[in-house]
Amino acid sequence: MSVILAVDPGREKCGLAMVDESVGVIWKRIVPAAELMTTVAQLVRQEEVRTVVAGDRTGSTAFKTKWDQSGLSAQARLVFVDEHLSSVEGRRRYLRDHPGKGLRRLLPIGLKTPDQPFDDYVAVILAERFLKKKDQY
């Protein structure tokens, strides 16, 4: 399988993650919602992405509409995956990867608050969900 691009579409900002099944996460980033389709189109063309995975909740209808208008379906397929609790998982993973400093390290994850957006981590979760069940898509 080639590299997949995972998208956590949102109203203001969107998480993106490029994931390879054998290597894992290649990169992840957050882009403003206004730049999402430009960024996705560029990545599909430059990185030869053949599968784009997106969450099926917030922002998914607008993303699907823009996808259909972009003509990208001739180059890559769009697959929607269940986004249920992906933000909770992304938050937990972000906090695990960024434990904080000093006494903050000692707090349980449930008591910590992320100090920056973690939509890119949510995109990684969506990619992992797709890869676990890719035979069903």
Protein backbone atom coordinates (compact mmCIF):
# COMPACT_ATOMS: atom_id res chain seq x y z
CA MET A 1 0.00 0.00 0.00
CA SER A 2 1.20 3.47 -0.76
CA VAL A 3 1.17 6.50 1.47
CA ILE A 4 -2.21 7.72 2.67
CA LEU A 5 -3.21 11.24 3.59
CA ALA A 6 -5.50 11.55 6.61
CA VAL A 7 -7.61 14.66 7.11
CA ASP A 8 -9.44 15.81 10.22
CA PRO A 9 -11.68 18.44 8.61
CA GLY A 10 -12.80 21.25 10.87
CA ARG A 11 -14.50 24.60 10.65
CA GLU A 12 -11.47 26.76 11.51
CA LYS A 13 -8.48 24.42 11.38
CA CYS A 14 -7.80 20.98 9.98
CA GLY A 15 -5.38 18.25 10.93
CA LEU A 16 -3.34 16.47 8.27
CA ALA A 17 -1.15 13.40 8.54
CA MET A 18 0.83 11.53 5.92
CA VAL A 19 1.06 7.89 6.98
CA ASP A 20 2.78 4.90 5.43
CA GLU A 21 1.52 1.48 6.48
CA SER A 22 5.00 0.04 6.95
CA VAL A 23 6.84 3.15 8.20
CA GLY A 24 4.13 4.87 10.24
CA VAL A 25 3.66 8.61 10.51
CA ILE A 26 5.78 10.48 7.97
CA TRP A 27 4.61 13.94 9.03
CA LYS A 28 1.65 15.73 10.52
CA ARG A 29 0.52 19.36 10.62
CA ILE A 30 -2.40 21.69 11.16
CA VAL A 31 -3.62 24.05 8.44
CA PRO A 32 -6.35 26.71 8.42
CA ALA A 33 -9.62 25.38 6.98
CA ALA A 34 -9.40 27.93 4.16
CA GLU A 35 -6.14 26.31 2.98
CA LEU A 36 -7.24 22.68 3.29
CA MET A 37 -8.17 21.89 -0.30
CA THR A 38 -5.15 23.68 -1.73
CA THR A 39 -2.87 21.71 0.60
CA VAL A 40 -4.63 18.39 -0.09
CA ALA A 41 -4.50 18.94 -3.86
CA GLN A 42 -0.80 19.77 -3.69
CA LEU A 43 -0.03 16.67 -1.62
CA VAL A 44 -2.10 14.35 -3.82
CA ARG A 45 -0.23 15.58 -6.89
CA GLN A 46 3.30 15.87 -5.46
CA GLU A 47 3.37 12.86 -3.14
CA GLU A 48 1.31 10.61 -5.42
CA VAL A 49 -1.22 9.92 -2.67
CA ARG A 50 -3.80 7.40 -3.87
CA THR A 51 -6.01 7.32 -0.76
CA VAL A 52 -7.28 10.25 1.28
CA VAL A 53 -8.94 9.35 4.56
CA ALA A 54 -11.22 11.84 6.30
CA GLY A 55 -13.30 11.91 9.45
CA ASP A 56 -17.04 11.53 8.93
CA ARG A 57 -18.29 14.23 11.31
CA THR A 58 -17.45 17.92 11.71
CA GLY A 59 -16.56 19.50 8.38
CA SER A 60 -16.95 16.29 6.40
CA THR A 61 -19.87 17.48 4.25
CA ALA A 62 -18.07 20.67 3.22
CA PHE A 63 -14.87 18.70 2.57
CA LYS A 64 -16.74 16.18 0.38
CA THR A 65 -18.34 18.99 -1.63
CA LYS A 66 -14.99 20.68 -2.22
CA TRP A 67 -13.39 17.31 -3.03
CA ASP A 68 -16.03 16.59 -5.67
CA GLN A 69 -15.50 20.04 -7.22
CA SER A 70 -11.70 19.73 -7.22
CA GLY A 71 -11.42 16.87 -9.69
CA LEU A 72 -9.05 15.02 -7.34
CA SER A 73 -11.19 11.88 -7.45
CA ALA A 74 -9.46 11.03 -10.75
CA GLN A 75 -6.14 10.78 -8.87
CA ALA A 76 -7.09 9.50 -5.42
CA ARG A 77 -10.01 7.90 -3.68
CA LEU A 78 -11.69 9.55 -0.71
CA VAL A 79 -12.70 7.32 2.19
CA PHE A 80 -14.60 8.48 5.26
CA VAL A 81 -13.89 6.71 8.55
CA ASP A 82 -15.75 6.78 11.85
CA GLU A 83 -14.59 9.81 13.79
CA HIS A 84 -16.32 8.83 17.07
CA LEU A 85 -14.07 9.74 20.03
CA SER A 86 -11.09 10.42 17.75
CA SER A 87 -10.61 13.84 19.39
CA VAL A 88 -10.43 12.18 22.80
CA GLU A 89 -7.82 9.71 21.53
CA GLY A 90 -5.87 12.47 19.76
CA ARG A 91 -5.88 14.61 22.91
CA ARG A 92 -4.63 11.67 25.00
CA ARG A 93 -1.85 10.90 22.53
CA TYR A 94 -0.82 14.56 22.30
CA LEU A 95 -0.59 14.79 26.10
CA ARG A 96 1.36 11.53 26.25
CA ASP A 97 3.86 12.91 23.71
CA HIS A 98 4.01 16.32 25.46
CA PRO A 99 4.01 15.53 29.19
CA GLY A 100 4.92 19.04 30.28
CA LYS A 101 7.65 20.22 32.59
CA GLY A 102 8.12 20.35 36.31
CA LEU A 103 5.21 19.34 38.48
CA ARG A 104 2.90 19.23 35.47
CA ARG A 105 4.56 15.95 34.48
CA LEU A 106 3.13 14.35 37.61
CA LEU A 107 -0.50 15.18 36.82
CA PRO A 108 -2.64 12.40 35.36
CA ILE A 109 -3.46 12.93 31.69
CA GLY A 110 -7.12 13.45 32.55
CA LEU A 111 -6.23 16.60 34.51
CA LYS A 112 -4.00 18.14 31.85
CA THR A 113 -5.05 20.52 29.12
CA PRO A 114 -3.22 20.68 25.77
CA ASP A 115 -1.31 23.93 25.33
CA GLN A 116 -1.84 23.96 21.55
CA PRO A 117 -4.21 22.42 18.96
CA PHE A 118 -3.87 18.68 18.39
CA ASP A 119 -5.91 18.18 15.21
CA ASP A 120 -2.87 16.62 13.54
CA TYR A 121 -2.89 13.88 16.16
CA VAL A 122 -6.57 13.27 15.39
CA ALA A 123 -5.65 12.85 11.72
CA VAL A 124 -3.12 10.18 12.73
CA ILE A 125 -5.85 8.37 14.69
CA LEU A 126 -8.10 8.45 11.61
CA ALA A 127 -5.31 7.00 9.46
CA GLU A 128 -4.72 4.21 11.97
CA ARG A 129 -8.43 3.40 12.04
CA PHE A 130 -8.44 3.14 8.26
CA LEU A 131 -5.37 0.92 8.19
CA LYS A 132 -6.85 -1.44 10.80
CA LYS A 133 -9.95 -1.99 8.68
CA LYS A 134 -8.68 -1.21 5.18
CA ASP A 135 -10.03 -4.47 3.81
CA GLN A 136 -13.55 -3.26 4.62
CA TYR A 137 -13.22 -0.09 2.51
